N, C-alpha and C. Protein backbone atom coordinates (compact mmCIF):
# COMPACT_ATOMS: atom_id res chain seq x y z
N MET A 1 -45.05 137.87 145.03
CA MET A 1 -44.68 139.26 145.43
C MET A 1 -44.85 139.40 146.76
N LYS A 2 -43.73 140.07 147.40
CA LYS A 2 -43.51 140.48 148.80
C LYS A 2 -43.93 141.61 149.05
N ILE A 3 -45.20 141.76 149.78
CA ILE A 3 -45.75 143.39 149.81
C ILE A 3 -45.64 143.66 151.51
N ALA A 4 -45.41 144.90 151.77
CA ALA A 4 -45.32 145.29 153.29
C ALA A 4 -45.97 146.40 153.43
N LEU A 5 -46.54 146.67 154.48
CA LEU A 5 -47.48 148.09 154.86
C LEU A 5 -46.57 148.79 155.75
N CYS A 6 -46.47 149.94 155.41
CA CYS A 6 -45.56 150.99 156.42
C CYS A 6 -46.55 152.08 156.79
N PRO A 7 -46.98 151.76 157.95
CA PRO A 7 -48.14 152.89 158.49
C PRO A 7 -47.19 153.87 159.56
N GLY A 8 -48.05 154.98 159.56
CA GLY A 8 -47.42 156.09 160.43
C GLY A 8 -48.54 157.24 160.37
N SER A 9 -47.96 158.22 161.23
CA SER A 9 -48.88 159.54 161.15
C SER A 9 -48.27 160.43 160.01
N PHE A 10 -46.99 160.16 159.87
CA PHE A 10 -46.24 161.26 158.81
C PHE A 10 -46.76 162.49 158.95
N ASP A 11 -46.49 163.28 160.19
CA ASP A 11 -46.91 164.50 160.27
C ASP A 11 -45.81 165.31 160.75
N PRO A 12 -45.01 165.63 160.20
CA PRO A 12 -44.62 165.67 158.62
C PRO A 12 -44.03 164.40 158.30
N PRO A 13 -43.80 164.06 157.12
CA PRO A 13 -42.84 162.87 156.68
C PRO A 13 -41.62 163.50 156.68
N THR A 14 -40.54 162.59 157.16
CA THR A 14 -39.18 163.18 157.42
C THR A 14 -38.15 162.44 156.58
N ASP A 15 -37.00 162.79 156.44
CA ASP A 15 -36.08 161.98 155.78
C ASP A 15 -35.89 160.58 156.18
N GLY A 16 -35.81 160.47 157.63
CA GLY A 16 -35.94 159.08 158.47
C GLY A 16 -37.08 158.24 157.71
N HIS A 17 -38.16 158.65 157.61
CA HIS A 17 -39.41 157.92 157.12
C HIS A 17 -38.86 157.45 155.48
N ILE A 18 -38.47 158.45 154.91
CA ILE A 18 -38.21 158.16 153.28
C ILE A 18 -36.96 157.17 153.44
N ASN A 19 -36.09 157.25 154.35
CA ASN A 19 -35.05 156.28 154.22
C ASN A 19 -35.54 154.71 154.62
N ILE A 20 -36.39 154.67 155.54
CA ILE A 20 -37.06 153.49 156.04
C ILE A 20 -37.69 152.90 154.93
N ILE A 21 -38.35 153.48 153.99
CA ILE A 21 -39.42 153.09 153.01
C ILE A 21 -38.34 152.90 151.74
N ASP A 22 -37.23 153.55 151.39
CA ASP A 22 -36.35 153.21 150.40
C ASP A 22 -35.68 151.96 150.73
N ARG A 23 -35.21 151.64 151.92
CA ARG A 23 -34.40 150.61 152.46
C ARG A 23 -35.28 149.57 152.39
N GLY A 24 -36.68 149.66 152.90
CA GLY A 24 -37.51 148.47 152.68
C GLY A 24 -38.04 147.77 151.36
N LEU A 25 -37.53 148.65 150.28
CA LEU A 25 -37.80 148.29 148.86
C LEU A 25 -36.70 147.30 148.47
N ARG A 26 -35.54 147.22 149.36
CA ARG A 26 -34.58 146.31 149.15
C ARG A 26 -35.08 144.88 149.54
N ILE A 27 -36.04 144.78 150.29
CA ILE A 27 -36.38 143.58 150.91
C ILE A 27 -37.85 143.12 150.19
N PHE A 28 -38.67 144.25 150.03
CA PHE A 28 -40.08 143.97 149.34
C PHE A 28 -40.30 144.41 148.27
N ASP A 29 -41.17 143.71 147.25
CA ASP A 29 -41.36 144.11 146.07
C ASP A 29 -42.23 145.42 145.78
N LYS A 30 -43.06 145.64 146.78
CA LYS A 30 -43.97 146.73 146.90
C LYS A 30 -44.27 146.93 148.58
N ILE A 31 -44.44 148.42 148.65
CA ILE A 31 -44.41 148.72 149.93
C ILE A 31 -45.70 149.71 149.83
N ILE A 32 -46.98 149.56 150.58
CA ILE A 32 -47.92 150.49 150.70
C ILE A 32 -47.74 151.44 152.01
N VAL A 33 -47.59 152.58 151.65
CA VAL A 33 -47.32 153.66 152.88
C VAL A 33 -48.68 153.84 153.17
N ALA A 34 -49.12 153.82 154.38
CA ALA A 34 -50.30 154.19 154.85
C ALA A 34 -50.43 155.18 155.76
N VAL A 35 -51.00 156.30 155.60
CA VAL A 35 -51.18 157.60 156.65
C VAL A 35 -52.16 157.15 157.57
N ALA A 36 -51.92 157.12 158.88
CA ALA A 36 -52.90 156.57 160.07
C ALA A 36 -53.84 157.99 160.31
N ILE A 37 -55.03 157.88 160.12
CA ILE A 37 -55.97 158.96 160.71
C ILE A 37 -56.36 158.76 161.98
N ASN A 38 -55.93 159.68 162.94
CA ASN A 38 -56.27 159.57 164.35
C ASN A 38 -56.84 160.81 164.76
N ARG A 39 -58.19 160.99 164.87
CA ARG A 39 -58.92 162.17 164.76
C ARG A 39 -58.55 162.60 166.60
N SER A 40 -58.13 161.84 167.27
CA SER A 40 -57.86 162.15 168.82
C SER A 40 -56.79 162.94 168.88
N LYS A 41 -55.58 162.91 167.91
CA LYS A 41 -54.44 163.61 167.95
C LYS A 41 -54.46 164.99 167.31
N LYS A 42 -53.73 166.02 167.73
CA LYS A 42 -53.77 167.35 166.95
C LYS A 42 -52.51 167.34 165.95
N ALA A 43 -53.02 167.11 164.87
CA ALA A 43 -51.95 167.25 163.71
C ALA A 43 -51.89 168.39 163.04
N VAL A 44 -50.76 168.70 162.53
CA VAL A 44 -50.60 170.02 161.81
C VAL A 44 -51.28 169.95 160.43
N PHE A 45 -50.90 168.65 159.83
CA PHE A 45 -51.44 168.47 158.37
C PHE A 45 -52.43 167.66 158.39
N GLU A 46 -53.62 167.83 157.42
CA GLU A 46 -54.59 167.08 157.46
C GLU A 46 -54.14 165.68 156.63
N PRO A 47 -54.78 164.63 156.79
CA PRO A 47 -54.34 163.24 156.08
C PRO A 47 -54.23 163.54 154.75
N GLU A 48 -55.23 163.99 154.04
CA GLU A 48 -54.92 164.26 152.57
C GLU A 48 -53.80 165.06 152.18
N GLU A 49 -53.23 166.26 153.04
CA GLU A 49 -51.94 166.92 152.91
C GLU A 49 -50.78 165.88 152.87
N ARG A 50 -50.95 165.15 154.02
CA ARG A 50 -49.68 164.07 154.17
C ARG A 50 -49.65 163.28 153.19
N VAL A 51 -50.83 162.47 152.45
CA VAL A 51 -50.79 161.68 151.48
C VAL A 51 -50.24 162.70 150.28
N ALA A 52 -50.79 163.73 150.06
CA ALA A 52 -50.04 164.37 148.77
C ALA A 52 -48.84 164.50 149.00
N MET A 53 -48.14 165.00 150.19
CA MET A 53 -46.63 165.21 150.36
C MET A 53 -46.13 164.11 149.92
N LEU A 54 -46.45 162.71 150.62
CA LEU A 54 -45.59 161.59 150.34
C LEU A 54 -45.70 161.18 148.84
N ARG A 55 -46.80 161.38 148.23
CA ARG A 55 -46.92 161.23 146.73
C ARG A 55 -45.75 161.86 145.80
N GLU A 56 -45.89 163.11 146.42
CA GLU A 56 -44.69 164.03 145.44
C GLU A 56 -43.40 163.34 145.98
N LEU A 57 -43.11 163.25 147.17
CA LEU A 57 -41.81 162.54 147.61
C LEU A 57 -41.39 161.29 147.11
N LEU A 58 -42.34 160.56 146.75
CA LEU A 58 -42.09 159.23 146.22
C LEU A 58 -42.56 158.79 144.87
N LYS A 59 -42.82 159.79 144.16
CA LYS A 59 -43.43 159.84 142.84
C LYS A 59 -42.71 158.96 141.89
N ASP A 60 -41.30 158.79 142.01
CA ASP A 60 -40.40 158.06 141.21
C ASP A 60 -40.37 156.71 141.32
N LYS A 61 -41.22 156.09 142.49
CA LYS A 61 -41.31 154.76 143.00
C LYS A 61 -42.25 154.06 142.52
N LYS A 62 -42.17 153.35 141.49
CA LYS A 62 -43.32 152.71 141.02
C LYS A 62 -43.95 151.49 142.00
N GLU A 63 -42.90 151.00 143.02
CA GLU A 63 -43.27 149.95 143.89
C GLU A 63 -43.80 150.40 145.27
N ILE A 64 -44.20 151.76 145.17
CA ILE A 64 -44.66 152.54 146.33
C ILE A 64 -46.35 152.90 145.83
N GLU A 65 -47.14 152.60 146.85
CA GLU A 65 -48.52 152.90 146.86
C GLU A 65 -48.69 153.80 148.11
N ILE A 66 -49.49 154.91 147.98
CA ILE A 66 -49.65 155.87 149.17
C ILE A 66 -51.11 155.54 149.38
N ASP A 67 -51.45 155.70 150.69
CA ASP A 67 -52.94 155.45 150.89
C ASP A 67 -53.14 156.11 152.55
N SER A 68 -54.36 155.94 152.79
CA SER A 68 -54.45 156.56 154.41
C SER A 68 -55.61 155.42 154.73
N PHE A 69 -55.77 155.35 156.05
CA PHE A 69 -56.61 154.46 156.68
C PHE A 69 -56.85 155.09 158.11
N GLU A 70 -58.27 154.64 158.69
CA GLU A 70 -58.79 154.89 159.96
C GLU A 70 -59.00 153.83 160.50
N GLY A 71 -58.91 153.48 161.78
CA GLY A 71 -59.15 152.37 162.54
C GLY A 71 -58.10 151.53 162.83
N LEU A 72 -58.24 150.28 163.19
CA LEU A 72 -57.37 149.42 163.33
C LEU A 72 -56.48 148.89 162.16
N LEU A 73 -55.24 148.96 162.52
CA LEU A 73 -54.22 148.48 161.64
C LEU A 73 -54.46 147.16 161.00
N VAL A 74 -54.78 146.18 162.08
CA VAL A 74 -54.96 144.94 161.49
C VAL A 74 -56.17 144.72 160.59
N ASP A 75 -57.05 145.62 160.63
CA ASP A 75 -58.24 145.56 160.01
C ASP A 75 -57.88 146.09 158.40
N TYR A 76 -57.07 146.97 158.44
CA TYR A 76 -56.50 147.67 156.89
C TYR A 76 -55.86 146.58 156.48
N CYS A 77 -54.85 145.97 157.24
CA CYS A 77 -54.06 144.84 156.79
C CYS A 77 -55.00 143.67 155.87
N ARG A 78 -56.12 143.34 156.90
CA ARG A 78 -56.80 142.51 156.32
C ARG A 78 -57.52 142.62 154.94
N LYS A 79 -57.96 144.03 154.95
CA LYS A 79 -58.71 144.86 153.79
C LYS A 79 -57.64 144.75 152.51
N LYS A 80 -56.39 144.84 152.74
CA LYS A 80 -55.24 145.00 151.67
C LYS A 80 -54.79 143.64 151.51
N LYS A 81 -55.07 142.77 152.27
CA LYS A 81 -54.35 141.25 152.03
C LYS A 81 -52.92 141.29 152.24
N ILE A 82 -52.49 142.00 153.31
CA ILE A 82 -51.20 142.17 153.61
C ILE A 82 -50.90 141.72 155.07
N SER A 83 -49.78 140.95 155.12
CA SER A 83 -49.41 140.10 156.31
C SER A 83 -48.18 140.63 157.00
N THR A 84 -47.61 141.61 156.40
CA THR A 84 -46.26 142.21 156.91
C THR A 84 -46.30 143.61 157.25
N ILE A 85 -46.02 144.13 158.13
CA ILE A 85 -45.92 145.40 158.68
C ILE A 85 -44.34 145.92 158.82
N LEU A 86 -44.01 146.90 158.29
CA LEU A 86 -42.61 147.35 158.49
C LEU A 86 -42.61 148.75 159.17
N ARG A 87 -41.77 148.72 160.12
CA ARG A 87 -41.71 150.00 161.29
C ARG A 87 -40.24 150.39 161.29
N GLY A 88 -39.94 151.56 161.35
CA GLY A 88 -38.73 151.94 161.49
C GLY A 88 -38.58 152.22 163.06
N ILE A 89 -37.31 151.84 163.49
CA ILE A 89 -37.00 151.97 164.91
C ILE A 89 -35.87 152.99 164.92
N ARG A 90 -35.98 154.13 166.10
CA ARG A 90 -34.73 154.87 166.24
C ARG A 90 -34.04 154.74 167.48
N THR A 91 -34.96 154.29 168.48
CA THR A 91 -34.51 154.47 169.87
C THR A 91 -34.97 153.38 170.58
N VAL A 92 -34.26 153.08 171.88
CA VAL A 92 -35.15 151.97 172.69
C VAL A 92 -36.50 152.11 172.81
N SER A 93 -36.89 153.56 173.09
CA SER A 93 -38.18 153.85 173.42
C SER A 93 -39.12 153.47 172.23
N ASP A 94 -38.62 153.64 171.03
CA ASP A 94 -39.39 153.28 170.13
C ASP A 94 -39.61 151.94 169.87
N TYR A 95 -38.52 151.14 170.31
CA TYR A 95 -38.62 149.55 170.14
C TYR A 95 -39.78 149.21 171.32
N GLU A 96 -39.74 149.72 172.50
CA GLU A 96 -40.65 149.31 173.44
C GLU A 96 -42.03 149.60 173.02
N TYR A 97 -42.44 150.77 172.29
CA TYR A 97 -43.63 151.00 171.89
C TYR A 97 -44.11 149.94 170.83
N GLU A 98 -43.18 149.92 169.69
CA GLU A 98 -43.39 149.25 168.76
C GLU A 98 -43.67 147.64 169.11
N LEU A 99 -42.79 147.02 169.99
CA LEU A 99 -43.03 145.86 170.38
C LEU A 99 -44.46 145.61 171.05
N GLN A 100 -44.89 146.57 171.67
CA GLN A 100 -46.16 146.54 172.37
C GLN A 100 -47.19 146.45 171.20
N MET A 101 -47.11 147.07 170.26
CA MET A 101 -48.09 147.23 169.26
C MET A 101 -48.19 145.94 168.41
N SER A 102 -46.74 145.67 168.07
CA SER A 102 -46.62 144.37 167.44
C SER A 102 -47.36 143.28 168.13
N LEU A 103 -47.14 142.92 169.41
CA LEU A 103 -47.70 141.84 170.23
C LEU A 103 -49.07 142.03 170.21
N ALA A 104 -49.71 143.25 170.40
CA ALA A 104 -51.23 143.48 170.31
C ALA A 104 -51.88 143.06 168.92
N ASN A 105 -50.89 143.62 167.87
CA ASN A 105 -51.41 143.23 166.62
C ASN A 105 -51.81 141.80 166.38
N ARG A 106 -50.50 141.07 166.86
CA ARG A 106 -50.52 139.59 166.71
C ARG A 106 -51.83 138.67 167.16
N ILE A 107 -51.90 139.40 168.68
CA ILE A 107 -53.26 138.84 169.17
C ILE A 107 -54.49 139.24 168.29
N LEU A 108 -54.76 140.27 167.71
CA LEU A 108 -55.78 140.57 166.89
C LEU A 108 -55.72 139.86 165.66
N ASN A 109 -54.64 139.46 165.18
CA ASN A 109 -54.55 138.57 163.87
C ASN A 109 -53.04 138.05 163.89
N PRO A 110 -53.13 136.72 164.33
CA PRO A 110 -52.07 135.86 164.43
C PRO A 110 -51.19 135.90 163.07
N ASP A 111 -51.90 136.23 161.91
CA ASP A 111 -51.12 136.04 160.65
C ASP A 111 -50.18 137.39 160.43
N ILE A 112 -50.38 138.27 161.21
CA ILE A 112 -49.44 139.58 161.08
C ILE A 112 -48.24 139.37 161.61
N GLU A 113 -47.02 139.62 160.78
CA GLU A 113 -45.63 139.81 161.17
C GLU A 113 -45.26 141.23 161.13
N THR A 114 -44.52 141.69 161.87
CA THR A 114 -44.11 142.94 162.17
C THR A 114 -42.43 142.97 161.87
N ILE A 115 -42.05 143.60 161.04
CA ILE A 115 -40.40 143.89 160.59
C ILE A 115 -39.91 145.02 161.14
N PHE A 116 -39.08 145.09 162.23
CA PHE A 116 -38.63 146.23 162.83
C PHE A 116 -37.12 146.32 161.76
N MET A 117 -37.16 147.75 161.46
CA MET A 117 -35.94 148.05 160.76
C MET A 117 -35.05 149.52 161.34
N MET A 118 -33.87 149.03 161.80
CA MET A 118 -33.30 150.20 162.53
C MET A 118 -33.01 151.41 161.77
N THR A 119 -33.26 152.44 162.08
CA THR A 119 -32.88 153.80 161.29
C THR A 119 -31.51 153.87 160.95
N GLU A 120 -31.01 154.60 160.03
CA GLU A 120 -29.64 154.77 159.79
C GLU A 120 -29.23 155.89 160.97
N GLY A 121 -27.82 155.82 161.41
CA GLY A 121 -27.61 156.88 162.58
C GLY A 121 -27.80 158.22 162.10
N ARG A 122 -27.66 158.61 160.99
CA ARG A 122 -27.74 160.03 160.76
C ARG A 122 -29.30 160.57 160.79
N TYR A 123 -30.11 159.72 160.88
CA TYR A 123 -31.68 159.90 161.08
C TYR A 123 -32.14 159.75 162.64
N SER A 124 -31.32 159.02 163.42
CA SER A 124 -31.90 158.51 164.67
C SER A 124 -32.34 159.64 165.54
N HIS A 125 -31.86 160.97 165.37
CA HIS A 125 -32.24 162.05 166.38
C HIS A 125 -33.57 162.85 165.90
N ILE A 126 -34.10 162.26 164.45
CA ILE A 126 -35.22 162.94 163.83
C ILE A 126 -36.57 162.61 164.24
N SER A 127 -37.43 163.22 164.82
CA SER A 127 -38.74 163.05 165.01
C SER A 127 -39.64 164.28 164.35
N SER A 128 -40.95 163.77 164.07
CA SER A 128 -41.71 164.79 163.56
C SER A 128 -41.76 165.94 164.46
N SER A 129 -42.01 165.54 165.84
CA SER A 129 -42.34 166.47 166.86
C SER A 129 -41.26 167.62 166.86
N ILE A 130 -39.90 167.03 166.90
CA ILE A 130 -38.83 167.81 166.86
C ILE A 130 -38.65 168.77 165.80
N ILE A 131 -38.92 168.31 164.59
CA ILE A 131 -39.03 169.08 163.11
C ILE A 131 -39.89 170.25 163.35
N LYS A 132 -41.21 169.89 163.83
CA LYS A 132 -42.41 170.94 163.86
C LYS A 132 -41.87 172.11 165.07
N GLU A 133 -40.99 171.77 165.98
CA GLU A 133 -40.43 172.50 167.14
C GLU A 133 -39.28 173.34 166.31
N VAL A 134 -38.35 172.86 165.74
CA VAL A 134 -37.28 173.56 165.00
C VAL A 134 -37.82 174.84 163.95
N ILE A 135 -38.72 174.10 163.26
CA ILE A 135 -39.36 175.15 162.14
C ILE A 135 -40.17 176.24 162.70
N ALA A 136 -40.98 175.87 163.82
CA ALA A 136 -41.76 176.76 164.55
C ALA A 136 -40.90 177.89 164.96
N PHE A 137 -39.73 177.75 165.52
CA PHE A 137 -38.80 178.67 165.83
C PHE A 137 -37.88 179.20 164.84
N GLY A 138 -38.24 178.98 163.62
CA GLY A 138 -37.30 179.52 162.71
C GLY A 138 -35.91 178.70 162.38
N GLY A 139 -35.94 177.73 162.88
CA GLY A 139 -34.71 176.82 162.33
C GLY A 139 -34.97 176.32 160.99
N SER A 140 -33.93 175.54 160.50
CA SER A 140 -34.04 175.05 159.15
C SER A 140 -34.15 173.41 159.60
N GLY A 141 -34.88 173.01 158.58
CA GLY A 141 -34.99 171.39 158.43
C GLY A 141 -34.18 170.72 157.80
N ASN A 142 -33.00 171.35 157.22
CA ASN A 142 -32.08 171.02 156.21
C ASN A 142 -31.58 169.46 156.89
N GLY A 143 -31.47 168.47 156.06
CA GLY A 143 -31.08 167.29 156.66
C GLY A 143 -31.99 166.39 157.47
N MET A 144 -33.27 166.88 157.59
CA MET A 144 -34.23 166.23 158.42
C MET A 144 -35.45 166.04 157.76
N ILE A 145 -35.88 166.94 156.74
CA ILE A 145 -36.74 167.02 155.81
C ILE A 145 -36.77 167.55 154.60
N HIS A 146 -37.34 167.00 153.60
CA HIS A 146 -37.19 167.29 152.33
C HIS A 146 -37.63 169.01 152.30
N SER A 147 -37.16 169.79 151.39
CA SER A 147 -37.51 171.19 151.05
C SER A 147 -38.92 171.51 150.87
N LEU A 148 -39.36 170.43 150.19
CA LEU A 148 -40.87 170.56 149.95
C LEU A 148 -41.85 170.75 151.18
N VAL A 149 -41.34 169.59 151.95
CA VAL A 149 -41.98 169.50 153.45
C VAL A 149 -41.70 170.70 154.22
N GLU A 150 -40.48 171.16 154.22
CA GLU A 150 -40.18 172.08 154.92
C GLU A 150 -40.91 173.62 154.75
N LYS A 151 -41.08 174.00 153.50
CA LYS A 151 -41.95 174.98 152.93
C LYS A 151 -43.36 174.85 153.20
N LYS A 152 -44.16 173.45 153.08
CA LYS A 152 -45.40 173.36 153.59
C LYS A 152 -45.48 173.56 155.14
N LEU A 153 -44.63 173.12 155.71
CA LEU A 153 -44.71 173.22 157.39
C LEU A 153 -44.35 174.48 157.67
N LYS A 154 -43.82 175.32 157.07
CA LYS A 154 -43.55 176.77 157.49
C LYS A 154 -44.88 177.61 157.18
N GLU A 155 -45.47 177.17 155.85
CA GLU A 155 -46.85 178.04 155.60
C GLU A 155 -47.95 177.53 156.61
N LYS A 156 -47.95 176.14 157.15
CA LYS A 156 -48.83 176.03 158.17
C LYS A 156 -48.66 176.55 159.30
N LEU A 157 -47.42 176.54 159.97
CA LEU A 157 -46.98 177.07 161.34
C LEU A 157 -47.33 178.63 161.29
N ARG A 158 -46.95 179.32 160.14
CA ARG A 158 -47.17 180.87 160.15
C ARG A 158 -48.62 180.96 160.28
N LYS A 159 -49.54 180.23 159.88
CA LYS A 159 -50.93 180.51 160.19
C LYS A 159 -51.30 180.58 161.56
N LYS A 160 -50.74 179.75 162.32
CA LYS A 160 -51.23 179.24 163.71
C LYS A 160 -50.79 180.52 164.54
């Protein structure tokens, strides 16, 4: 069975994230979507909320497992016995960052391979940061995030 790990902050999960996961299922038998817990970053959603949203968005896909982790990605891979990381790439700057992370991960664990998947053009402009800004200023997330995510994001941002 070919298993990949698709890690990220998913704060919030976007249509671009879901697209990469869906397309990844054409290559892998199973994908573990892992929400990274980074206490030093100011997230809108708690890790448990991001996991819950992803579980709801991907509930019909039996080949998907949703989890969260804290610490080094390679340690989580080792714990889950996974040697392939799936990462979505939107731009050249994404590639440069992901390449550095991939090389660092290979030094920490030479058995880890990273697969880069280019996003579809209609999602290349979408980032969690842009979505948060659009929603904060009253814009629509249509075509960028699922309506469930938009509703929850509006609720969170109104509280702030």
